[in-house]
Amino acid sequence: MRDITWKKSREKTQKGTDIDGQIQSSLNAQVTNTFESIKKILESEGLNEEHVIKVNIWATEEIDWV
């Protein structure tokens, strides 16, 4: 089951798209969408963010974490 979660997250969250599949213009919106998608995937498997060991982010511009 964990492999399914990994595959789902790789397919649906790397792009930072919104629920309609649209890519947001700002990097911050894309990052927010990505983390929301990860959260939904975890919840669909009965997990939460405490089950995440590590997240790597590669960005081409600075991210405003506020």
N, C-alpha and C. Protein backbone atom coordinates (compact mmCIF):
# COMPACT_ATOMS: atom_id res chain seq x y z
N MET A 1 0.82 -1.19 0.00
CA MET A 1 0.00 0.00 0.00
C MET A 1 0.87 1.26 0.00
N ARG A 2 1.99 1.23 0.66
CA ARG A 2 2.87 2.39 0.71
C ARG A 2 3.42 2.71 -0.68
N ASP A 3 3.67 1.67 -1.50
CA ASP A 3 4.14 1.91 -2.87
C ASP A 3 3.11 2.68 -3.67
N ILE A 4 1.81 2.37 -3.45
CA ILE A 4 0.73 3.08 -4.15
C ILE A 4 0.77 4.55 -3.76
N THR A 5 0.95 4.83 -2.47
CA THR A 5 1.01 6.22 -2.01
C THR A 5 2.16 6.94 -2.69
N TRP A 6 3.32 6.30 -2.76
CA TRP A 6 4.47 6.92 -3.40
C TRP A 6 4.17 7.23 -4.85
N LYS A 7 3.58 6.28 -5.57
CA LYS A 7 3.26 6.50 -6.98
C LYS A 7 2.24 7.61 -7.15
N LYS A 8 1.22 7.64 -6.30
CA LYS A 8 0.22 8.70 -6.38
C LYS A 8 0.87 10.05 -6.16
N SER A 9 1.73 10.14 -5.15
CA SER A 9 2.35 11.42 -4.85
C SER A 9 3.26 11.87 -5.99
N ARG A 10 3.98 10.94 -6.60
CA ARG A 10 4.87 11.30 -7.71
C ARG A 10 4.07 11.78 -8.91
N GLU A 11 2.93 11.18 -9.16
CA GLU A 11 2.13 11.54 -10.32
C GLU A 11 1.39 12.84 -10.15
N LYS A 12 0.88 13.12 -8.96
CA LYS A 12 -0.06 14.21 -8.78
C LYS A 12 0.48 15.44 -8.08
N THR A 13 1.62 15.36 -7.44
CA THR A 13 2.03 16.50 -6.63
C THR A 13 3.26 17.22 -7.12
N GLN A 14 3.98 16.67 -8.05
CA GLN A 14 5.22 17.30 -8.45
C GLN A 14 5.00 18.58 -9.25
N LYS A 15 3.85 18.73 -9.83
CA LYS A 15 3.61 19.88 -10.70
C LYS A 15 3.09 21.10 -9.97
N GLY A 16 2.53 20.94 -8.80
CA GLY A 16 1.97 22.07 -8.08
C GLY A 16 0.66 22.56 -8.65
N THR A 17 -0.07 21.67 -9.31
CA THR A 17 -1.34 22.06 -9.92
C THR A 17 -2.43 22.17 -8.88
N ASP A 18 -3.47 22.93 -9.23
CA ASP A 18 -4.62 23.02 -8.33
C ASP A 18 -5.56 21.85 -8.60
N ILE A 19 -6.71 21.85 -7.95
CA ILE A 19 -7.64 20.73 -8.05
C ILE A 19 -8.17 20.54 -9.48
N ASP A 20 -8.15 21.61 -10.28
CA ASP A 20 -8.61 21.54 -11.67
C ASP A 20 -7.48 21.20 -12.64
N GLY A 21 -6.27 20.97 -12.11
CA GLY A 21 -5.15 20.64 -12.96
C GLY A 21 -4.44 21.84 -13.55
N GLN A 22 -4.79 23.03 -13.09
CA GLN A 22 -4.17 24.25 -13.59
C GLN A 22 -2.91 24.58 -12.79
N ILE A 23 -1.86 24.97 -13.49
CA ILE A 23 -0.62 25.38 -12.82
C ILE A 23 -0.75 26.85 -12.44
N GLN A 24 -0.57 27.12 -11.17
CA GLN A 24 -0.66 28.50 -10.67
C GLN A 24 0.54 29.31 -11.14
N SER A 25 0.36 30.62 -11.26
CA SER A 25 1.44 31.46 -11.78
C SER A 25 2.55 31.70 -10.76
N SER A 26 2.22 31.74 -9.48
CA SER A 26 3.26 32.00 -8.48
C SER A 26 3.82 30.68 -7.93
N LEU A 27 5.10 30.69 -7.65
CA LEU A 27 5.74 29.52 -7.08
C LEU A 27 5.14 29.18 -5.72
N ASN A 28 4.84 30.20 -4.92
CA ASN A 28 4.26 29.95 -3.60
C ASN A 28 2.93 29.21 -3.70
N ALA A 29 2.10 29.57 -4.66
CA ALA A 29 0.82 28.89 -4.86
C ALA A 29 1.05 27.44 -5.29
N GLN A 30 2.05 27.22 -6.13
CA GLN A 30 2.37 25.86 -6.57
C GLN A 30 2.84 25.01 -5.40
N VAL A 31 3.69 25.59 -4.55
CA VAL A 31 4.19 24.86 -3.37
C VAL A 31 3.03 24.54 -2.43
N THR A 32 2.15 25.50 -2.21
CA THR A 32 0.98 25.29 -1.35
C THR A 32 0.13 24.17 -1.90
N ASN A 33 -0.14 24.18 -3.21
CA ASN A 33 -0.94 23.13 -3.84
C ASN A 33 -0.27 21.76 -3.70
N THR A 34 1.04 21.73 -3.84
CA THR A 34 1.77 20.48 -3.72
C THR A 34 1.62 19.89 -2.33
N PHE A 35 1.78 20.71 -1.29
CA PHE A 35 1.66 20.20 0.07
C PHE A 35 0.21 19.81 0.39
N GLU A 36 -0.76 20.53 -0.14
CA GLU A 36 -2.16 20.15 0.05
C GLU A 36 -2.44 18.80 -0.61
N SER A 37 -1.88 18.58 -1.78
CA SER A 37 -2.06 17.30 -2.47
C SER A 37 -1.42 16.16 -1.69
N ILE A 38 -0.23 16.41 -1.16
CA ILE A 38 0.45 15.39 -0.36
C ILE A 38 -0.40 15.05 0.87
N LYS A 39 -0.94 16.07 1.51
CA LYS A 39 -1.79 15.87 2.68
C LYS A 39 -3.00 15.01 2.33
N LYS A 40 -3.65 15.29 1.21
CA LYS A 40 -4.82 14.52 0.79
C LYS A 40 -4.45 13.07 0.48
N ILE A 41 -3.32 12.87 -0.15
CA ILE A 41 -2.87 11.51 -0.46
C ILE A 41 -2.60 10.74 0.83
N LEU A 42 -1.92 11.37 1.77
CA LEU A 42 -1.66 10.71 3.05
C LEU A 42 -2.96 10.35 3.75
N GLU A 43 -3.90 11.30 3.79
CA GLU A 43 -5.18 11.05 4.45
C GLU A 43 -5.94 9.91 3.78
N SER A 44 -5.83 9.79 2.46
CA SER A 44 -6.54 8.72 1.74
C SER A 44 -6.00 7.34 2.12
N GLU A 45 -4.79 7.30 2.67
CA GLU A 45 -4.17 6.06 3.11
C GLU A 45 -4.20 5.91 4.63
N GLY A 46 -4.95 6.80 5.31
CA GLY A 46 -5.04 6.73 6.77
C GLY A 46 -3.79 7.24 7.47
N LEU A 47 -3.03 8.08 6.80
CA LEU A 47 -1.78 8.62 7.34
C LEU A 47 -1.88 10.13 7.51
N ASN A 48 -0.85 10.73 8.10
CA ASN A 48 -0.79 12.19 8.20
C ASN A 48 0.67 12.63 8.05
N GLU A 49 0.92 13.92 8.21
CA GLU A 49 2.26 14.46 7.99
C GLU A 49 3.31 13.90 8.95
N GLU A 50 2.88 13.35 10.07
CA GLU A 50 3.83 12.75 11.00
C GLU A 50 4.45 11.48 10.42
N HIS A 51 3.86 10.92 9.37
CA HIS A 51 4.39 9.72 8.73
C HIS A 51 5.41 10.05 7.64
N VAL A 52 5.62 11.33 7.37
CA VAL A 52 6.58 11.75 6.35
C VAL A 52 7.94 11.89 6.98
N ILE A 53 8.93 11.25 6.39
CA ILE A 53 10.28 11.31 6.92
C ILE A 53 11.05 12.48 6.34
N LYS A 54 10.92 12.69 5.05
CA LYS A 54 11.73 13.72 4.40
C LYS A 54 11.02 14.22 3.14
N VAL A 55 11.16 15.51 2.88
CA VAL A 55 10.64 16.11 1.66
C VAL A 55 11.77 16.95 1.06
N ASN A 56 12.07 16.72 -0.20
CA ASN A 56 13.06 17.53 -0.91
C ASN A 56 12.34 18.47 -1.85
N ILE A 57 12.78 19.72 -1.87
CA ILE A 57 12.19 20.71 -2.76
C ILE A 57 13.31 21.34 -3.57
N TRP A 58 13.17 21.29 -4.87
CA TRP A 58 14.09 21.97 -5.77
C TRP A 58 13.31 23.08 -6.44
N ALA A 59 13.72 24.31 -6.23
CA ALA A 59 13.00 25.46 -6.77
C ALA A 59 13.94 26.33 -7.61
N THR A 60 13.38 26.93 -8.63
CA THR A 60 14.17 27.82 -9.49
C THR A 60 14.10 29.26 -9.03
N GLU A 61 13.28 29.52 -8.02
CA GLU A 61 13.20 30.85 -7.44
C GLU A 61 12.96 30.72 -5.94
N GLU A 62 13.18 31.81 -5.21
CA GLU A 62 13.07 31.78 -3.77
C GLU A 62 11.62 31.55 -3.34
N ILE A 63 11.43 30.73 -2.30
CA ILE A 63 10.11 30.43 -1.79
C ILE A 63 9.87 31.26 -0.53
N ASP A 64 8.73 31.93 -0.47
CA ASP A 64 8.34 32.70 0.71
C ASP A 64 7.56 31.75 1.62
N TRP A 65 8.19 31.26 2.68
CA TRP A 65 7.59 30.25 3.54
C TRP A 65 6.60 30.82 4.55
N VAL A 66 6.29 32.07 4.48
CA VAL A 66 5.37 32.69 5.42
C VAL A 66 3.94 32.38 5.06
